[in-house]
Amino acid sequence: FAQATSIMEASISRYASLFVKLASSNADGWEKISEKSGVQLFQNKAEEGKPPINKGVGIVNKPPKEVLAYVRLHTNRKHWDTFYADHKIVKEIEPGFKTILSMRSKGQFGVWPREFLLFTAVKEFEDGTIVAFGTSDVPADVAVDEPVPEGHVRGHVLISGFVIQPIDGQPDKC
């Protein structure tokens, strides 16, 4: 069990660090594609043949832990994801911090509805930055055999989530 836990923890650290790096990068390649309600949306088209990377940047007038609680409550997802249909928790590894869930999206424009089997995790860094992410790359030590729901196609998510960074000297903003 100790070796299995270390595989999962190594995966969490790797993905969380990668996510922070991508989210905080201001390097070349990021193009602003829209702005709505004070949130700027950027896209980095990456390499030929690879999917683009998107990020939204804005300030939320709430403490980081309140923002985390809001984005982790999957019923809130419908407020920013118009294709979200529903989800179910398949396996709770550490309630509220590490789960495997099945999330379903609505079909669109002749495309079958998708189902995503996701390993989700939350990691907090020493500086107060919180990363909440999901990936279809489920660590082998916590993998499950979950059938695809009828009428859906299983999709793959490289990585998706939130980087919630505190603002120095402003504990009620992030």
C-alpha atoms as a PDB file:
ATOM      1  CA  PHE A   1       0.000   0.000   0.000  1.00  0.00           C
ATOM      2  CA  ALA A   2       2.847   2.443   0.763  1.00  0.00           C
ATOM      3  CA  GLN A   3       4.301   2.010  -2.733  1.00  0.00           C
ATOM      4  CA  ALA A   4       0.857   2.472  -4.304  1.00  0.00           C
ATOM      5  CA  THR A   5       0.272   5.654  -2.305  1.00  0.00           C
ATOM      6  CA  SER A   6       3.638   7.011  -3.413  1.00  0.00           C
ATOM      7  CA  ILE A   7       2.687   6.423  -7.082  1.00  0.00           C
ATOM      8  CA  MET A   8      -0.544   8.398  -6.613  1.00  0.00           C
ATOM      9  CA  GLU A   9       1.184  11.172  -4.631  1.00  0.00           C
ATOM     10  CA  ALA A  10       3.941  11.454  -7.266  1.00  0.00           C
ATOM     11  CA  SER A  11       1.254  11.793  -9.937  1.00  0.00           C
ATOM     12  CA  ILE A  12      -0.517  14.522  -7.940  1.00  0.00           C
ATOM     13  CA  SER A  13       2.719  16.459  -7.415  1.00  0.00           C
ATOM     14  CA  ARG A  14       3.675  16.171 -11.091  1.00  0.00           C
ATOM     15  CA  TYR A  15       0.294  17.344 -12.397  1.00  0.00           C
ATOM     16  CA  ALA A  16      -0.152  20.107  -9.808  1.00  0.00           C
ATOM     17  CA  SER A  17       3.319  21.522 -10.520  1.00  0.00           C
ATOM     18  CA  LEU A  18       2.727  21.363 -14.279  1.00  0.00           C
ATOM     19  CA  PHE A  19      -0.621  23.084 -13.869  1.00  0.00           C
ATOM     20  CA  VAL A  20       0.863  25.922 -11.793  1.00  0.00           C
ATOM     21  CA  LYS A  21       3.611  26.371 -14.395  1.00  0.00           C
ATOM     22  CA  LEU A  22       1.101  26.537 -17.274  1.00  0.00           C
ATOM     23  CA  ALA A  23      -1.285  28.849 -15.427  1.00  0.00           C
ATOM     24  CA  SER A  24       1.343  31.339 -14.275  1.00  0.00           C
ATOM     25  CA  SER A  25       3.257  31.458 -17.532  1.00  0.00           C
ATOM     26  CA  ASN A  26       3.244  34.802 -19.275  1.00  0.00           C
ATOM     27  CA  ALA A  27       5.635  33.553 -21.925  1.00  0.00           C
ATOM     28  CA  ASP A  28       5.168  33.934 -25.637  1.00  0.00           C
ATOM     29  CA  GLY A  29       2.435  31.929 -27.246  1.00  0.00           C
ATOM     30  CA  TRP A  30      -0.503  33.062 -25.073  1.00  0.00           C
ATOM     31  CA  GLU A  31      -3.077  34.964 -27.112  1.00  0.00           C
ATOM     32  CA  LYS A  32      -5.965  36.806 -25.436  1.00  0.00           C
ATOM     33  CA  ILE A  33      -9.130  35.548 -27.110  1.00  0.00           C
ATOM     34  CA  SER A  34     -11.883  37.130 -25.009  1.00  0.00           C
ATOM     35  CA  GLU A  35     -12.849  38.889 -21.805  1.00  0.00           C
ATOM     36  CA  LYS A  36     -16.078  38.594 -19.861  1.00  0.00           C
ATOM     37  CA  SER A  37     -17.048  39.741 -16.366  1.00  0.00           C
ATOM     38  CA  GLY A  38     -13.455  40.759 -15.594  1.00  0.00           C
ATOM     39  CA  VAL A  39     -11.986  37.384 -16.595  1.00  0.00           C
ATOM     40  CA  GLN A  40      -9.543  37.275 -19.488  1.00  0.00           C
ATOM     41  CA  LEU A  41      -9.418  34.086 -21.562  1.00  0.00           C
ATOM     42  CA  PHE A  42      -6.105  33.147 -23.182  1.00  0.00           C
ATOM     43  CA  GLN A  43      -5.141  30.349 -25.557  1.00  0.00           C
ATOM     44  CA  ASN A  44      -1.771  28.817 -26.349  1.00  0.00           C
ATOM     45  CA  LYS A  45      -1.881  26.812 -29.571  1.00  0.00           C
ATOM     46  CA  ALA A  46       1.073  24.628 -28.532  1.00  0.00           C
ATOM     47  CA  GLU A  47       2.679  22.311 -31.069  1.00  0.00           C
ATOM     48  CA  GLU A  48       1.228  21.198 -34.395  1.00  0.00           C
ATOM     49  CA  GLY A  49      -1.209  18.326 -33.909  1.00  0.00           C
ATOM     50  CA  LYS A  50      -1.638  18.905 -30.153  1.00  0.00           C
ATOM     51  CA  PRO A  51      -4.731  20.415 -28.554  1.00  0.00           C
ATOM     52  CA  PRO A  52      -4.615  24.090 -27.545  1.00  0.00           C
ATOM     53  CA  ILE A  53      -4.296  25.075 -23.901  1.00  0.00           C
ATOM     54  CA  ASN A  54      -6.762  27.604 -22.488  1.00  0.00           C
ATOM     55  CA  LYS A  55      -6.598  29.618 -19.284  1.00  0.00           C
ATOM     56  CA  GLY A  56      -8.763  32.234 -17.653  1.00  0.00           C
ATOM     57  CA  VAL A  57      -7.262  34.928 -15.453  1.00  0.00           C
ATOM     58  CA  GLY A  58      -9.213  37.123 -13.059  1.00  0.00           C
ATOM     59  CA  ILE A  59      -9.574  38.263  -9.464  1.00  0.00           C
ATOM     60  CA  VAL A  60     -12.212  36.759  -7.183  1.00  0.00           C
ATOM     61  CA  ASN A  61     -13.301  38.724  -4.115  1.00  0.00           C
ATOM     62  CA  LYS A  62     -13.358  35.674  -1.867  1.00  0.00           C
ATOM     63  CA  PRO A  63     -10.699  33.870   0.184  1.00  0.00           C
ATOM     64  CA  PRO A  64      -8.949  31.002  -1.678  1.00  0.00           C
ATOM     65  CA  LYS A  65     -10.570  28.252   0.423  1.00  0.00           C
ATOM     66  CA  GLU A  66     -14.065  29.598  -0.341  1.00  0.00           C
ATOM     67  CA  VAL A  67     -13.264  29.617  -4.053  1.00  0.00           C
ATOM     68  CA  LEU A  68     -11.979  26.042  -3.756  1.00  0.00           C
ATOM     69  CA  ALA A  69     -15.184  24.944  -2.010  1.00  0.00           C
ATOM     70  CA  TYR A  70     -17.250  26.529  -4.799  1.00  0.00           C
ATOM     71  CA  VAL A  71     -15.362  25.001  -7.738  1.00  0.00           C
ATOM     72  CA  ARG A  72     -15.145  21.563  -6.085  1.00  0.00           C
ATOM     73  CA  LEU A  73     -18.930  21.414  -5.689  1.00  0.00           C
ATOM     74  CA  HIS A  74     -19.725  19.839  -9.052  1.00  0.00           C
ATOM     75  CA  THR A  75     -23.321  21.065  -9.067  1.00  0.00           C
ATOM     76  CA  ASN A  76     -21.866  24.594  -9.515  1.00  0.00           C
ATOM     77  CA  ARG A  77     -20.153  23.547 -12.752  1.00  0.00           C
ATOM     78  CA  LYS A  78     -23.273  24.350 -14.785  1.00  0.00           C
ATOM     79  CA  HIS A  79     -22.573  28.059 -14.076  1.00  0.00           C
ATOM     80  CA  TRP A  80     -19.464  28.059 -16.294  1.00  0.00           C
ATOM     81  CA  ASP A  81     -19.750  24.880 -18.385  1.00  0.00           C
ATOM     82  CA  THR A  82     -22.809  24.890 -20.652  1.00  0.00           C
ATOM     83  CA  PHE A  83     -22.131  21.295 -21.757  1.00  0.00           C
ATOM     84  CA  TYR A  84     -22.031  19.819 -18.223  1.00  0.00           C
ATOM     85  CA  ALA A  85     -24.822  17.264 -17.682  1.00  0.00           C
ATOM     86  CA  ASP A  86     -24.035  15.441 -14.420  1.00  0.00           C
ATOM     87  CA  HIS A  87     -21.493  13.377 -12.542  1.00  0.00           C
ATOM     88  CA  LYS A  88     -21.149  10.599 -10.023  1.00  0.00           C
ATOM     89  CA  ILE A  89     -18.354   9.780  -7.636  1.00  0.00           C
ATOM     90  CA  VAL A  90     -16.983   6.361  -8.551  1.00  0.00           C
ATOM     91  CA  LYS A  91     -14.386   6.104  -5.785  1.00  0.00           C
ATOM     92  CA  GLU A  92     -13.465   8.361  -2.874  1.00  0.00           C
ATOM     93  CA  ILE A  93      -9.819   7.948  -2.066  1.00  0.00           C
ATOM     94  CA  GLU A  94      -9.639  10.865   0.372  1.00  0.00           C
ATOM     95  CA  PRO A  95     -13.025  12.640   0.596  1.00  0.00           C
ATOM     96  CA  GLY A  96     -12.874  16.178  -0.750  1.00  0.00           C
ATOM     97  CA  PHE A  97      -9.272  15.854  -1.892  1.00  0.00           C
ATOM     98  CA  LYS A  98      -8.808  12.743  -4.047  1.00  0.00           C
ATOM     99  CA  THR A  99     -11.597  11.076  -6.001  1.00  0.00           C
ATOM    100  CA  ILE A 100     -12.358   9.246  -9.192  1.00  0.00           C
ATOM    101  CA  LEU A 101     -15.509  10.501 -10.823  1.00  0.00           C
ATOM    102  CA  SER A 102     -17.521   9.961 -13.946  1.00  0.00           C
ATOM    103  CA  MET A 103     -18.580  13.263 -15.469  1.00  0.00           C
ATOM    104  CA  ARG A 104     -21.015  13.410 -18.371  1.00  0.00           C
ATOM    105  CA  SER A 105     -21.441  16.197 -20.890  1.00  0.00           C
ATOM    106  CA  LYS A 106     -24.296  16.956 -23.253  1.00  0.00           C
ATOM    107  CA  GLY A 107     -23.981  16.172 -26.938  1.00  0.00           C
ATOM    108  CA  GLN A 108     -23.622  19.085 -29.313  1.00  0.00           C
ATOM    109  CA  PHE A 109     -24.148  19.687 -33.014  1.00  0.00           C
ATOM    110  CA  GLY A 110     -24.307  16.021 -34.017  1.00  0.00           C
ATOM    111  CA  VAL A 111     -21.527  14.930 -31.622  1.00  0.00           C
ATOM    112  CA  TRP A 112     -22.344  12.122 -29.180  1.00  0.00           C
ATOM    113  CA  PRO A 113     -22.504  13.017 -25.478  1.00  0.00           C
ATOM    114  CA  ARG A 114     -19.185  12.424 -23.719  1.00  0.00           C
ATOM    115  CA  GLU A 115     -18.346  10.740 -20.443  1.00  0.00           C
ATOM    116  CA  PHE A 116     -15.025  11.407 -18.732  1.00  0.00           C
ATOM    117  CA  LEU A 117     -13.525   9.132 -16.089  1.00  0.00           C
ATOM    118  CA  LEU A 118     -11.379  11.523 -14.067  1.00  0.00           C
ATOM    119  CA  PHE A 119      -8.895  11.308 -11.239  1.00  0.00           C
ATOM    120  CA  THR A 120      -9.375  14.540  -9.300  1.00  0.00           C
ATOM    121  CA  ALA A 121      -7.116  15.948  -6.626  1.00  0.00           C
ATOM    122  CA  VAL A 122      -6.421  19.066  -4.592  1.00  0.00           C
ATOM    123  CA  LYS A 123      -2.927  20.158  -3.604  1.00  0.00           C
ATOM    124  CA  GLU A 124      -2.002  23.181  -1.510  1.00  0.00           C
ATOM    125  CA  PHE A 125       1.459  24.711  -1.814  1.00  0.00           C
ATOM    126  CA  GLU A 126       3.429  26.465   0.936  1.00  0.00           C
ATOM    127  CA  ASP A 127       2.735  29.909  -0.559  1.00  0.00           C
ATOM    128  CA  GLY A 128      -1.030  29.307  -0.197  1.00  0.00           C
ATOM    129  CA  THR A 129      -1.615  28.474  -3.879  1.00  0.00           C
ATOM    130  CA  ILE A 130      -4.282  25.792  -4.247  1.00  0.00           C
ATOM    131  CA  VAL A 131      -4.534  23.544  -7.309  1.00  0.00           C
ATOM    132  CA  ALA A 132      -7.709  21.561  -7.965  1.00  0.00           C
ATOM    133  CA  PHE A 133      -7.418  19.439 -11.093  1.00  0.00           C
ATOM    134  CA  GLY A 134      -8.771  16.472 -12.986  1.00  0.00           C
ATOM    135  CA  THR A 135      -7.138  14.161 -15.510  1.00  0.00           C
ATOM    136  CA  SER A 136      -8.067  10.998 -17.366  1.00  0.00           C
ATOM    137  CA  ASP A 137      -4.601   9.702 -16.468  1.00  0.00           C
ATOM    138  CA  VAL A 138      -5.804   7.713 -13.446  1.00  0.00           C
ATOM    139  CA  PRO A 139      -2.847   6.402 -11.395  1.00  0.00           C
ATOM    140  CA  ALA A 140      -2.620   2.612 -11.695  1.00  0.00           C
ATOM    141  CA  ASP A 141      -2.800   2.087  -7.941  1.00  0.00           C
ATOM    142  CA  VAL A 142      -6.289   3.644  -7.726  1.00  0.00           C
ATOM    143  CA  ALA A 143      -7.690   2.635 -11.136  1.00  0.00           C
ATOM    144  CA  VAL A 144     -11.261   1.384 -11.406  1.00  0.00           C
ATOM    145  CA  ASP A 145     -13.180  -0.574 -14.009  1.00  0.00           C
ATOM    146  CA  GLU A 146     -16.079   1.740 -14.816  1.00  0.00           C
ATOM    147  CA  PRO A 147     -18.242   1.043 -17.868  1.00  0.00           C
ATOM    148  CA  VAL A 148     -19.090   3.845 -20.290  1.00  0.00           C
ATOM    149  CA  PRO A 149     -22.734   4.899 -19.795  1.00  0.00           C
ATOM    150  CA  GLU A 150     -25.076   3.877 -22.619  1.00  0.00           C
ATOM    151  CA  GLY A 151     -25.365   6.535 -25.321  1.00  0.00           C
ATOM    152  CA  HIS A 152     -22.011   8.142 -24.435  1.00  0.00           C
ATOM    153  CA  VAL A 153     -18.467   8.043 -25.788  1.00  0.00           C
ATOM    154  CA  ARG A 154     -15.574   8.115 -23.319  1.00  0.00           C
ATOM    155  CA  GLY A 155     -13.520  11.263 -23.767  1.00  0.00           C
ATOM    156  CA  HIS A 156     -10.000  11.967 -22.575  1.00  0.00           C
ATOM    157  CA  VAL A 157      -8.923  14.999 -20.536  1.00  0.00           C
ATOM    158  CA  LEU A 158      -5.192  15.690 -20.454  1.00  0.00           C
ATOM    159  CA  ILE A 159      -5.593  18.101 -17.531  1.00  0.00           C
ATOM    160  CA  SER A 160      -8.238  20.569 -16.434  1.00  0.00           C
ATOM    161  CA  GLY A 161      -8.846  22.530 -13.289  1.00  0.00           C
ATOM    162  CA  PHE A 162      -8.095  25.631 -11.276  1.00  0.00           C
ATOM    163  CA  VAL A 163      -5.033  27.339  -9.875  1.00  0.00           C
ATOM    164  CA  ILE A 164      -6.185  29.565  -7.022  1.00  0.00           C
ATOM    165  CA  GLN A 165      -3.433  31.975  -5.982  1.00  0.00           C
ATOM    166  CA  PRO A 166      -3.703  34.249  -2.940  1.00  0.00           C
ATOM    167  CA  ILE A 167      -3.010  37.960  -3.400  1.00  0.00           C
ATOM    168  CA  ASP A 168      -0.312  39.217  -1.026  1.00  0.00           C
ATOM    169  CA  GLY A 169      -1.750  41.362   1.772  1.00  0.00           C
ATOM    170  CA  GLN A 170      -5.349  40.749   0.642  1.00  0.00           C
ATOM    171  CA  PRO A 171      -6.614  37.604   2.419  1.00  0.00           C
ATOM    172  CA  ASP A 172     -10.150  37.985   1.029  1.00  0.00           C
ATOM    173  CA  LYS A 173      -9.042  37.977  -2.631  1.00  0.00           C
ATOM    174  CA  CYS A 174      -7.383  35.516  -4.946  1.00  0.00           C
END
